[in-house]
C-alpha atoms as a PDB file:
ATOM      1  CA  MET A   1      44.874   0.620 -18.524  1.00  0.00           C
ATOM      2  CA  LEU A   2      43.386   3.575 -17.121  1.00  0.00           C
ATOM      3  CA  ARG A   3      41.386   3.248 -13.519  1.00  0.00           C
ATOM      4  CA  CYS A   4      39.122   6.164 -14.094  1.00  0.00           C
ATOM      5  CA  LEU A   5      36.770   5.896 -11.824  1.00  0.00           C
ATOM      6  CA  CYS A   6      33.919   9.019 -13.060  1.00  0.00           C
ATOM      7  CA  VAL A   7      31.297   6.900 -13.136  1.00  0.00           C
ATOM      8  CA  ALA A   8      28.487   8.885 -14.857  1.00  0.00           C
ATOM      9  CA  TRP A   9      26.797   9.040 -17.871  1.00  0.00           C
ATOM     10  CA  PRO A  10      29.102  11.924 -19.554  1.00  0.00           C
ATOM     11  CA  ALA A  11      29.380   9.986 -22.757  1.00  0.00           C
ATOM     12  CA  LEU A  12      25.376  10.101 -23.343  1.00  0.00           C
ATOM     13  CA  ALA A  13      25.508  13.553 -22.937  1.00  0.00           C
ATOM     14  CA  LEU A  14      23.517  15.450 -25.880  1.00  0.00           C
ATOM     15  CA  ALA A  15      23.185  19.614 -26.326  1.00  0.00           C
ATOM     16  CA  GLY A  16      19.643  19.943 -24.781  1.00  0.00           C
ATOM     17  CA  CYS A  17      18.702  16.571 -24.126  1.00  0.00           C
ATOM     18  CA  SER A  18      20.631  13.469 -22.832  1.00  0.00           C
ATOM     19  CA  ALA A  19      20.892  10.099 -25.396  1.00  0.00           C
ATOM     20  CA  ALA A  20      18.860   8.424 -22.608  1.00  0.00           C
ATOM     21  CA  ASP A  21      15.529  10.392 -23.250  1.00  0.00           C
ATOM     22  CA  ALA A  22      16.449   9.161 -26.431  1.00  0.00           C
ATOM     23  CA  LEU A  23      16.608   5.928 -25.969  1.00  0.00           C
ATOM     24  CA  ASN A  24      14.048   5.599 -23.877  1.00  0.00           C
ATOM     25  CA  PHE A  25      11.633   7.233 -26.432  1.00  0.00           C
ATOM     26  CA  ILE A  26      12.578   4.371 -29.077  1.00  0.00           C
ATOM     27  CA  VAL A  27      11.626   1.312 -26.377  1.00  0.00           C
ATOM     28  CA  PRO A  28       8.597  -0.018 -25.795  1.00  0.00           C
ATOM     29  CA  GLY A  29       6.584   1.691 -22.722  1.00  0.00           C
ATOM     30  CA  ASP A  30       3.358  -0.601 -23.002  1.00  0.00           C
ATOM     31  CA  GLY A  31       3.960  -3.764 -21.144  1.00  0.00           C
ATOM     32  CA  TYR A  32       4.220  -2.310 -17.657  1.00  0.00           C
ATOM     33  CA  THR A  33       2.699  -0.166 -15.373  1.00  0.00           C
ATOM     34  CA  LYS A  34       4.629   2.229 -13.248  1.00  0.00           C
ATOM     35  CA  HIS A  35       3.992   3.464  -9.749  1.00  0.00           C
ATOM     36  CA  ALA A  36       5.597   6.130  -8.033  1.00  0.00           C
ATOM     37  CA  SER A  37       6.530   5.809  -4.315  1.00  0.00           C
ATOM     38  CA  THR A  38       8.958   6.890  -1.523  1.00  0.00           C
ATOM     39  CA  TYR A  39      10.491   5.766   1.153  1.00  0.00           C
ATOM     40  CA  GLY A  40      12.167   8.621   2.983  1.00  0.00           C
ATOM     41  CA  SER A  41      11.156  12.112   3.071  1.00  0.00           C
ATOM     42  CA  ASN A  42      14.567  12.999   1.607  1.00  0.00           C
ATOM     43  CA  PRO A  43      13.211  14.674  -2.223  1.00  0.00           C
ATOM     44  CA  ARG A  44      16.568  11.648  -3.545  1.00  0.00           C
ATOM     45  CA  GLN A  45      14.765   9.125  -1.501  1.00  0.00           C
ATOM     46  CA  GLY A  46      12.205   7.812  -4.230  1.00  0.00           C
ATOM     47  CA  LEU A  47      11.038   5.157  -5.943  1.00  0.00           C
ATOM     48  CA  ASP A  48      10.192   3.646  -9.740  1.00  0.00           C
ATOM     49  CA  VAL A  49       8.370   0.250  -9.609  1.00  0.00           C
ATOM     50  CA  TYR A  50       7.585  -1.116 -12.965  1.00  0.00           C
ATOM     51  CA  GLU A  51       4.919  -4.031 -12.858  1.00  0.00           C
ATOM     52  CA  PRO A  52       4.643  -5.945 -16.092  1.00  0.00           C
ATOM     53  CA  LYS A  53       0.764  -6.363 -17.685  1.00  0.00           C
ATOM     54  CA  THR A  54       1.055 -10.114 -18.337  1.00  0.00           C
ATOM     55  CA  ALA A  55      -0.384 -12.185 -15.116  1.00  0.00           C
ATOM     56  CA  ALA A  56       2.023 -13.099 -12.429  1.00  0.00           C
ATOM     57  CA  PRO A  57       2.933 -15.774 -12.056  1.00  0.00           C
ATOM     58  CA  PRO A  58       1.584 -18.146  -9.094  1.00  0.00           C
ATOM     59  CA  GLY A  59       3.469 -17.533  -5.832  1.00  0.00           C
ATOM     60  CA  GLY A  60       4.394 -13.966  -7.522  1.00  0.00           C
ATOM     61  CA  ARG A  61       6.973 -12.185  -9.437  1.00  0.00           C
ATOM     62  CA  THR A  62      10.811 -12.457  -9.250  1.00  0.00           C
ATOM     63  CA  VAL A  63      11.485  -8.683  -7.891  1.00  0.00           C
ATOM     64  CA  VAL A  64      14.969  -7.087  -9.539  1.00  0.00           C
ATOM     65  CA  VAL A  65      16.259  -4.100  -7.409  1.00  0.00           C
ATOM     66  CA  PHE A  66      18.205  -1.820  -9.522  1.00  0.00           C
ATOM     67  CA  PHE A  67      20.792   0.981  -8.956  1.00  0.00           C
ATOM     68  CA  TYR A  68      22.183   2.848 -11.631  1.00  0.00           C
ATOM     69  CA  GLY A  69      25.775   4.748 -11.140  1.00  0.00           C
ATOM     70  CA  GLY A  70      26.986   8.101 -11.503  1.00  0.00           C
ATOM     71  CA  SER A  71      29.907   8.582  -9.431  1.00  0.00           C
ATOM     72  CA  TRP A  72      27.735   8.328  -5.941  1.00  0.00           C
ATOM     73  CA  ALA A  73      26.851  12.136  -7.172  1.00  0.00           C
ATOM     74  CA  GLY A  74      24.068  11.976  -9.267  1.00  0.00           C
ATOM     75  CA  GLY A  75      21.718   9.905 -11.807  1.00  0.00           C
ATOM     76  CA  GLN A  76      18.014   9.746 -11.595  1.00  0.00           C
ATOM     77  CA  LYS A  77      15.779   6.338 -11.958  1.00  0.00           C
ATOM     78  CA  SER A  78      13.998   7.958 -14.420  1.00  0.00           C
ATOM     79  CA  THR A  79      17.155   7.302 -16.900  1.00  0.00           C
ATOM     80  CA  TYR A  80      17.300   3.992 -16.633  1.00  0.00           C
ATOM     81  CA  ARG A  81      13.382   3.411 -18.055  1.00  0.00           C
ATOM     82  CA  PHE A  82      14.884   1.344 -20.584  1.00  0.00           C
ATOM     83  CA  VAL A  83      16.288  -1.136 -18.083  1.00  0.00           C
ATOM     84  CA  ALA A  84      13.214  -1.732 -16.417  1.00  0.00           C
ATOM     85  CA  GLU A  85      11.516  -2.370 -19.216  1.00  0.00           C
ATOM     86  CA  ALA A  86      14.122  -5.022 -19.989  1.00  0.00           C
ATOM     87  CA  LEU A  87      13.329  -6.518 -16.652  1.00  0.00           C
ATOM     88  CA  THR A  88       9.657  -6.152 -16.935  1.00  0.00           C
ATOM     89  CA  ALA A  89       9.662  -7.953 -20.344  1.00  0.00           C
ATOM     90  CA  GLN A  90      11.258 -10.644 -18.481  1.00  0.00           C
ATOM     91  CA  GLY A  91       8.505 -11.225 -15.891  1.00  0.00           C
ATOM     92  CA  TYR A  92       9.976  -9.540 -13.649  1.00  0.00           C
ATOM     93  CA  LEU A  93       9.079  -6.908 -10.986  1.00  0.00           C
ATOM     94  CA  ALA A  94      11.041  -4.055 -11.603  1.00  0.00           C
ATOM     95  CA  VAL A  95      12.394  -1.216  -8.339  1.00  0.00           C
ATOM     96  CA  LEU A  96      14.040   1.930  -9.277  1.00  0.00           C
ATOM     97  CA  PRO A  97      15.296   3.597  -5.967  1.00  0.00           C
ATOM     98  CA  ASP A  98      17.035   7.160  -6.346  1.00  0.00           C
ATOM     99  CA  TYR A  99      19.693   7.743  -3.132  1.00  0.00           C
ATOM    100  CA  ARG A 100      21.615  10.596  -2.062  1.00  0.00           C
ATOM    101  CA  VAL A 101      24.697  11.926  -3.637  1.00  0.00           C
ATOM    102  CA  HIS A 102      27.514  13.759  -3.070  1.00  0.00           C
ATOM    103  CA  PRO A 103      27.917  16.435  -2.178  1.00  0.00           C
ATOM    104  CA  GLU A 104      24.643  16.266   0.148  1.00  0.00           C
ATOM    105  CA  ALA A 105      25.297  12.471   1.203  1.00  0.00           C
ATOM    106  CA  VAL A 106      29.016  10.589   1.696  1.00  0.00           C
ATOM    107  CA  TYR A 107      29.725   7.017   2.200  1.00  0.00           C
ATOM    108  CA  PRO A 108      28.012   5.581   4.244  1.00  0.00           C
ATOM    109  CA  ALA A 109      24.206   7.287   3.826  1.00  0.00           C
ATOM    110  CA  PHE A 110      23.702   6.278  -0.334  1.00  0.00           C
ATOM    111  CA  VAL A 111      24.309   2.495   0.731  1.00  0.00           C
ATOM    112  CA  GLU A 112      22.044   2.954   3.778  1.00  0.00           C
ATOM    113  CA  ASP A 113      19.007   4.077   1.061  1.00  0.00           C
ATOM    114  CA  ALA A 114      19.762   1.750  -1.003  1.00  0.00           C
ATOM    115  CA  ALA A 115      19.399  -0.558   2.120  1.00  0.00           C
ATOM    116  CA  THR A 116      15.932   1.137   3.160  1.00  0.00           C
ATOM    117  CA  ALA A 117      14.699   0.968  -0.146  1.00  0.00           C
ATOM    118  CA  LEU A 118      15.131  -2.836  -0.040  1.00  0.00           C
ATOM    119  CA  LYS A 119      13.301  -2.975   3.249  1.00  0.00           C
ATOM    120  CA  TRP A 120      10.440  -0.539   1.453  1.00  0.00           C
ATOM    121  CA  THR A 121      10.539  -3.448  -1.517  1.00  0.00           C
ATOM    122  CA  VAL A 122      10.054  -6.398   0.959  1.00  0.00           C
ATOM    123  CA  GLU A 123       7.037  -4.652   2.826  1.00  0.00           C
ATOM    124  CA  ASN A 124       5.222  -3.510  -0.286  1.00  0.00           C
ATOM    125  CA  ALA A 125       6.525  -6.439  -3.676  1.00  0.00           C
ATOM    126  CA  ALA A 126       3.260  -8.127  -3.063  1.00  0.00           C
ATOM    127  CA  ARG A 127       1.133  -4.944  -3.890  1.00  0.00           C
ATOM    128  CA  TYR A 128       2.316  -5.328  -7.190  1.00  0.00           C
ATOM    129  CA  GLY A 129       2.638  -9.123  -7.244  1.00  0.00           C
ATOM    130  CA  GLY A 130       6.127  -9.265  -6.755  1.00  0.00           C
ATOM    131  CA  ASN A 131       6.833 -12.183  -4.280  1.00  0.00           C
ATOM    132  CA  PRO A 132       9.586 -10.962  -1.476  1.00  0.00           C
ATOM    133  CA  ASP A 133      10.978 -13.968  -0.807  1.00  0.00           C
ATOM    134  CA  LYS A 134      12.608 -13.726  -4.682  1.00  0.00           C
ATOM    135  CA  ILE A 135      14.342 -10.814  -4.189  1.00  0.00           C
ATOM    136  CA  VAL A 136      17.249  -9.991  -6.745  1.00  0.00           C
ATOM    137  CA  LEU A 137      19.252  -7.028  -6.779  1.00  0.00           C
ATOM    138  CA  MET A 138      21.539  -5.182  -9.835  1.00  0.00           C
ATOM    139  CA  GLY A 139      23.935  -2.168 -10.356  1.00  0.00           C
ATOM    140  CA  HIS A 140      25.826  -0.860 -13.196  1.00  0.00           C
ATOM    141  CA  SER A 141      28.630   1.413 -12.017  1.00  0.00           C
ATOM    142  CA  ALA A 142      28.837   2.711  -8.567  1.00  0.00           C
ATOM    143  CA  GLY A 143      25.412   0.889  -8.290  1.00  0.00           C
ATOM    144  CA  ALA A 144      26.555  -2.500  -8.079  1.00  0.00           C
ATOM    145  CA  HIS A 145      29.186  -1.059  -5.563  1.00  0.00           C
ATOM    146  CA  ILE A 146      26.115  -0.188  -3.284  1.00  0.00           C
ATOM    147  CA  ALA A 147      24.339  -3.658  -4.639  1.00  0.00           C
ATOM    148  CA  ALA A 148      27.823  -5.648  -3.432  1.00  0.00           C
ATOM    149  CA  LEU A 149      28.465  -3.725  -0.188  1.00  0.00           C
ATOM    150  CA  LEU A 150      24.732  -5.114   0.840  1.00  0.00           C
ATOM    151  CA  ALA A 151      24.350  -7.835  -0.079  1.00  0.00           C
ATOM    152  CA  LEU A 152      28.542  -8.583   1.462  1.00  0.00           C
ATOM    153  CA  ASP A 153      28.365  -6.228   4.579  1.00  0.00           C
ATOM    154  CA  PRO A 154      25.939  -7.361   7.299  1.00  0.00           C
ATOM    155  CA  GLN A 155      25.810  -3.931   8.979  1.00  0.00           C
ATOM    156  CA  PHE A 156      23.288  -2.159   6.199  1.00  0.00           C
ATOM    157  CA  LEU A 157      20.588  -5.063   6.489  1.00  0.00           C
ATOM    158  CA  GLU A 158      20.798  -5.164  10.423  1.00  0.00           C
ATOM    159  CA  ALA A 159      20.441  -1.578  10.845  1.00  0.00           C
ATOM    160  CA  VAL A 160      17.311  -1.955   8.702  1.00  0.00           C
ATOM    161  CA  ASN A 161      16.090  -5.733  10.319  1.00  0.00           C
ATOM    162  CA  LEU A 162      16.195  -7.455   7.467  1.00  0.00           C
ATOM    163  CA  PRO A 163      18.195 -11.270   6.945  1.00  0.00           C
ATOM    164  CA  ARG A 164      20.783 -11.185   4.956  1.00  0.00           C
ATOM    165  CA  GLU A 165      18.596 -14.384   2.823  1.00  0.00           C
ATOM    166  CA  THR A 166      16.352 -11.499   1.904  1.00  0.00           C
ATOM    167  CA  ILE A 167      19.042 -11.423  -0.926  1.00  0.00           C
ATOM    168  CA  LYS A 168      18.715 -14.230  -3.417  1.00  0.00           C
ATOM    169  CA  GLY A 169      21.180 -12.931  -5.704  1.00  0.00           C
ATOM    170  CA  PHE A 170      23.325 -10.573  -7.355  1.00  0.00           C
ATOM    171  CA  VAL A 171      24.267  -9.621 -10.477  1.00  0.00           C
ATOM    172  CA  GLY A 172      26.753  -6.481 -10.987  1.00  0.00           C
ATOM    173  CA  LEU A 173      27.877  -4.292 -14.030  1.00  0.00           C
ATOM    174  CA  ALA A 174      30.674  -3.283 -14.240  1.00  0.00           C
ATOM    175  CA  GLY A 175      31.361  -2.847 -10.548  1.00  0.00           C
ATOM    176  CA  PRO A 176      33.982  -1.321  -8.471  1.00  0.00           C
ATOM    177  CA  TYR A 177      34.378  -3.756  -6.398  1.00  0.00           C
ATOM    178  CA  SER A 178      38.372  -3.695  -5.117  1.00  0.00           C
ATOM    179  CA  PHE A 179      39.417  -0.130  -6.260  1.00  0.00           C
ATOM    180  CA  ALA A 180      41.455   2.333  -3.463  1.00  0.00           C
ATOM    181  CA  PRO A 181      39.306   5.120  -2.718  1.00  0.00           C
ATOM    182  CA  LEU A 182      42.091   7.741  -2.020  1.00  0.00           C
ATOM    183  CA  GLU A 183      43.161   7.478  -5.624  1.00  0.00           C
ATOM    184  CA  PHE A 184      41.037   9.362  -7.010  1.00  0.00           C
ATOM    185  CA  ARG A 185      39.618  12.601  -6.941  1.00  0.00           C
ATOM    186  CA  VAL A 186      36.445  11.598  -7.425  1.00  0.00           C
ATOM    187  CA  THR A 187      36.722   8.910  -4.786  1.00  0.00           C
ATOM    188  CA  ARG A 188      38.257  11.139  -1.938  1.00  0.00           C
ATOM    189  CA  ALA A 189      34.929  13.677  -2.130  1.00  0.00           C
ATOM    190  CA  VAL A 190      33.361  11.175  -1.222  1.00  0.00           C
ATOM    191  CA  PHE A 191      35.195   8.361   1.111  1.00  0.00           C
ATOM    192  CA  GLY A 192      38.391  10.464   2.093  1.00  0.00           C
ATOM    193  CA  HIS A 193      36.698  11.585   5.587  1.00  0.00           C
ATOM    194  CA  LEU A 194      36.865   7.905   6.334  1.00  0.00           C
ATOM    195  CA  LYS A 195      39.642   7.261   8.877  1.00  0.00           C
ATOM    196  CA  ASP A 196      40.095   3.367   7.360  1.00  0.00           C
ATOM    197  CA  PRO A 197      38.854   3.696   3.621  1.00  0.00           C
ATOM    198  CA  ASN A 198      39.280   0.585   3.330  1.00  0.00           C
ATOM    199  CA  ILE A 199      35.798  -0.206   4.937  1.00  0.00           C
ATOM    200  CA  VAL A 200      33.911   0.977   1.376  1.00  0.00           C
ATOM    201  CA  ARG A 201      36.113  -1.790  -1.043  1.00  0.00           C
ATOM    202  CA  PRO A 202      33.284  -4.680  -1.435  1.00  0.00           C
ATOM    203  CA  VAL A 203      36.040  -6.949  -2.096  1.00  0.00           C
ATOM    204  CA  ILE A 204      37.486  -7.786   1.622  1.00  0.00           C
ATOM    205  CA  TYR A 205      34.022  -9.325   2.362  1.00  0.00           C
ATOM    206  CA  ALA A 206      34.098 -11.875   0.349  1.00  0.00           C
ATOM    207  CA  ALA A 207      34.238 -14.240   2.611  1.00  0.00           C
ATOM    208  CA  ASN A 208      31.191 -13.228   4.115  1.00  0.00           C
ATOM    209  CA  PRO A 209      28.028 -15.068   3.441  1.00  0.00           C
ATOM    210  CA  ALA A 210      27.015 -14.363  -0.076  1.00  0.00           C
ATOM    211  CA  PRO A 211      24.110 -14.903  -2.148  1.00  0.00           C
ATOM    212  CA  PRO A 212      24.891 -16.112  -5.493  1.00  0.00           C
ATOM    213  CA  MET A 213      26.800 -13.557  -7.582  1.00  0.00           C
ATOM    214  CA  LEU A 214      27.200 -12.564 -11.662  1.00  0.00           C
ATOM    215  CA  LEU A 215      29.568 -10.789 -12.159  1.00  0.00           C
ATOM    216  CA  LEU A 216      29.840  -8.784 -15.776  1.00  0.00           C
ATOM    217  CA  HIS A 217      32.167  -6.610 -17.206  1.00  0.00           C
ATOM    218  CA  GLY A 218      33.304  -5.206 -20.558  1.00  0.00           C
ATOM    219  CA  ALA A 219      36.958  -6.129 -21.761  1.00  0.00           C
ATOM    220  CA  ASP A 220      37.557  -2.573 -22.986  1.00  0.00           C
ATOM    221  CA  ASP A 221      36.026  -0.703 -19.953  1.00  0.00           C
ATOM    222  CA  THR A 222      38.555   1.941 -19.293  1.00  0.00           C
ATOM    223  CA  THR A 223      36.128   3.789 -16.576  1.00  0.00           C
ATOM    224  CA  VAL A 224      36.000   1.090 -13.913  1.00  0.00           C
ATOM    225  CA  GLY A 225      38.517  -1.484 -14.748  1.00  0.00           C
ATOM    226  CA  PRO A 226      38.188  -5.037 -15.502  1.00  0.00           C
ATOM    227  CA  TYR A 227      40.119  -5.882 -12.883  1.00  0.00           C
ATOM    228  CA  ASN A 228      37.601  -5.022 -10.170  1.00  0.00           C
ATOM    229  CA  SER A 229      35.327  -8.078 -11.250  1.00  0.00           C
ATOM    230  CA  VAL A 230      38.440 -10.298 -11.613  1.00  0.00           C
ATOM    231  CA  ASP A 231      39.369  -9.629  -8.464  1.00  0.00           C
ATOM    232  CA  LEU A 232      35.727  -9.837  -6.340  1.00  0.00           C
ATOM    233  CA  THR A 233      35.474 -13.228  -8.361  1.00  0.00           C
ATOM    234  CA  ALA A 234      38.834 -14.767  -7.029  1.00  0.00           C
ATOM    235  CA  ALA A 235      38.420 -13.209  -3.104  1.00  0.00           C
ATOM    236  CA  LEU A 236      34.996 -15.240  -3.578  1.00  0.00           C
ATOM    237  CA  ILE A 237      36.152 -18.721  -4.795  1.00  0.00           C
ATOM    238  CA  ALA A 238      38.820 -18.735  -2.178  1.00  0.00           C
ATOM    239  CA  ALA A 239      36.241 -17.858   0.066  1.00  0.00           C
ATOM    240  CA  GLY A 240      34.206 -20.830  -1.210  1.00  0.00           C
ATOM    241  CA  GLN A 241      30.612 -18.752  -2.327  1.00  0.00           C
ATOM    242  CA  ASN A 242      28.744 -19.300  -5.419  1.00  0.00           C
ATOM    243  CA  VAL A 243      30.072 -16.769  -7.942  1.00  0.00           C
ATOM    244  CA  THR A 244      30.054 -16.437 -12.020  1.00  0.00           C
ATOM    245  CA  HIS A 245      32.375 -13.999 -14.064  1.00  0.00           C
ATOM    246  CA  ILE A 246      31.838 -13.162 -17.210  1.00  0.00           C
ATOM    247  CA  VAL A 247      33.813 -10.500 -19.603  1.00  0.00           C
ATOM    248  CA  TYR A 248      32.491  -9.270 -22.822  1.00  0.00           C
ATOM    249  CA  PRO A 249      35.297  -8.441 -25.159  1.00  0.00           C
ATOM    250  CA  ASP A 250      34.905  -5.278 -27.134  1.00  0.00           C
ATOM    251  CA  VAL A 251      32.403  -4.061 -24.667  1.00  0.00           C
ATOM    252  CA  ALA A 252      33.302  -0.553 -22.684  1.00  0.00           C
ATOM    253  CA  HIS A 253      31.677   0.855 -19.890  1.00  0.00           C
ATOM    254  CA  VAL A 254      28.210   2.417 -21.278  1.00  0.00           C
ATOM    255  CA  GLY A 255      27.473  -0.608 -23.705  1.00  0.00           C
ATOM    256  CA  ILE A 256      27.678  -3.198 -21.296  1.00  0.00           C
ATOM    257  CA  ILE A 257      24.637  -1.435 -19.856  1.00  0.00           C
ATOM    258  CA  LEU A 258      22.991  -0.353 -23.068  1.00  0.00           C
ATOM    259  CA  ALA A 259      23.020  -4.112 -24.321  1.00  0.00           C
ATOM    260  CA  MET A 260      19.811  -4.082 -22.032  1.00  0.00           C
ATOM    261  CA  ALA A 261      17.862  -2.059 -24.086  1.00  0.00           C
ATOM    262  CA  LYS A 262      16.272  -3.648 -27.086  1.00  0.00           C
ATOM    263  CA  PRO A 263      18.358  -1.308 -29.897  1.00  0.00           C
ATOM    264  CA  PHE A 264      21.807  -2.205 -28.709  1.00  0.00           C
ATOM    265  CA  ARG A 265      21.384  -5.781 -27.618  1.00  0.00           C
ATOM    266  CA  GLY A 266      23.564  -7.127 -30.324  1.00  0.00           C
ATOM    267  CA  ARG A 267      26.525  -5.262 -28.573  1.00  0.00           C
ATOM    268  CA  ALA A 268      26.294  -7.494 -25.740  1.00  0.00           C
ATOM    269  CA  PRO A 269      24.287 -10.762 -24.157  1.00  0.00           C
ATOM    270  CA  THR A 270      23.681  -8.397 -20.824  1.00  0.00           C
ATOM    271  CA  LEU A 271      20.127  -9.590 -20.830  1.00  0.00           C
ATOM    272  CA  SER A 272      19.955 -12.580 -21.406  1.00  0.00           C
ATOM    273  CA  ASP A 273      22.598 -13.799 -18.955  1.00  0.00           C
ATOM    274  CA  THR A 274      21.259 -11.506 -16.914  1.00  0.00           C
ATOM    275  CA  ALA A 275      18.084 -13.566 -16.937  1.00  0.00           C
ATOM    276  CA  GLY A 276      19.656 -17.017 -17.117  1.00  0.00           C
ATOM    277  CA  PHE A 277      21.108 -16.066 -14.231  1.00  0.00           C
ATOM    278  CA  ILE A 278      18.088 -15.272 -12.033  1.00  0.00           C
ATOM    279  CA  ASP A 279      15.534 -17.846 -13.432  1.00  0.00           C
ATOM    280  CA  GLY A 280      18.274 -20.650 -12.438  1.00  0.00           C
ATOM    281  CA  LEU A 281      18.494 -19.347  -8.972  1.00  0.00           C
ATOM    282  CA  PHE A 282      14.841 -20.440  -8.653  1.00  0.00           C
ATOM    283  CA  GLN A 283      14.270 -22.956 -10.954  1.00  0.00           C
ATOM    284  CA  ASN A 284      17.379 -24.724  -9.113  1.00  0.00           C
ATOM    285  CA  LYS A 285      15.616 -24.138  -5.939  1.00  0.00           C
ATOM    286  CA  ALA A 286      11.932 -25.865  -6.940  1.00  0.00           C
ATOM    287  CA  ALA A 287      14.151 -28.970  -8.168  1.00  0.00           C
ATOM    288  CA  SER A 288      15.344 -29.094  -4.619  1.00  0.00           C
ATOM    289  CA  ASN A 289      12.406 -29.000  -3.156  1.00  0.00           C
END
């Protein structure tokens, strides 16, 4: 199995315009209102809030904060409007932050940005009909790595004065959770300055208090190997954590996130599995009250 960790969007690049732009053009755009804001002074510290146009339920909407991938070296929130559309169609308030990337930033800057964006979300979700007590993190590829560190390594929430209970659940799509940081050129550039690079591996924090987790991976992923989700699942189970692990046959690295978009939902049940998991988090809680 190829264990390359180049987790950018090259498979969607086209001459003159990206396939993601074309995809965003054809997915519905009339079911939400987009709000742009910032959580810091750096140009990369902005975020978009997608508010469904339907009436918010009593108590407010579930909030999903989505972090995109890009080898910790690229990406932009506007590329993932199709993800926001999918989430808002389920009734969720979707928050898509940008964050600082290499070479401007190395670890832990992008995780610190993610924590600050989460803090902004807690403080502002109610303005858009969201419930700050119903926040779920979601990420694809490097974004799943960032979100997993937020959920498992307590230092980042502590730094922004958020309790660990802020994160009610985590959905990871094809995340690098147990990779070797010095094995690949792209990861050496981002993590090679660390005295102990192993501290960036989410799997080593599996015994810490953790929210319920859903780990989704494509069996044909040759970019971020499925072993990453297998390893994290095993570590979480050994620690007595609540984790669900699903592998999609015949699905590769980009396909698992493309399946969020309406034209590609036949590729994998990424959206339906995500929505079932998220809704179950709060239905179970309501039933126990």
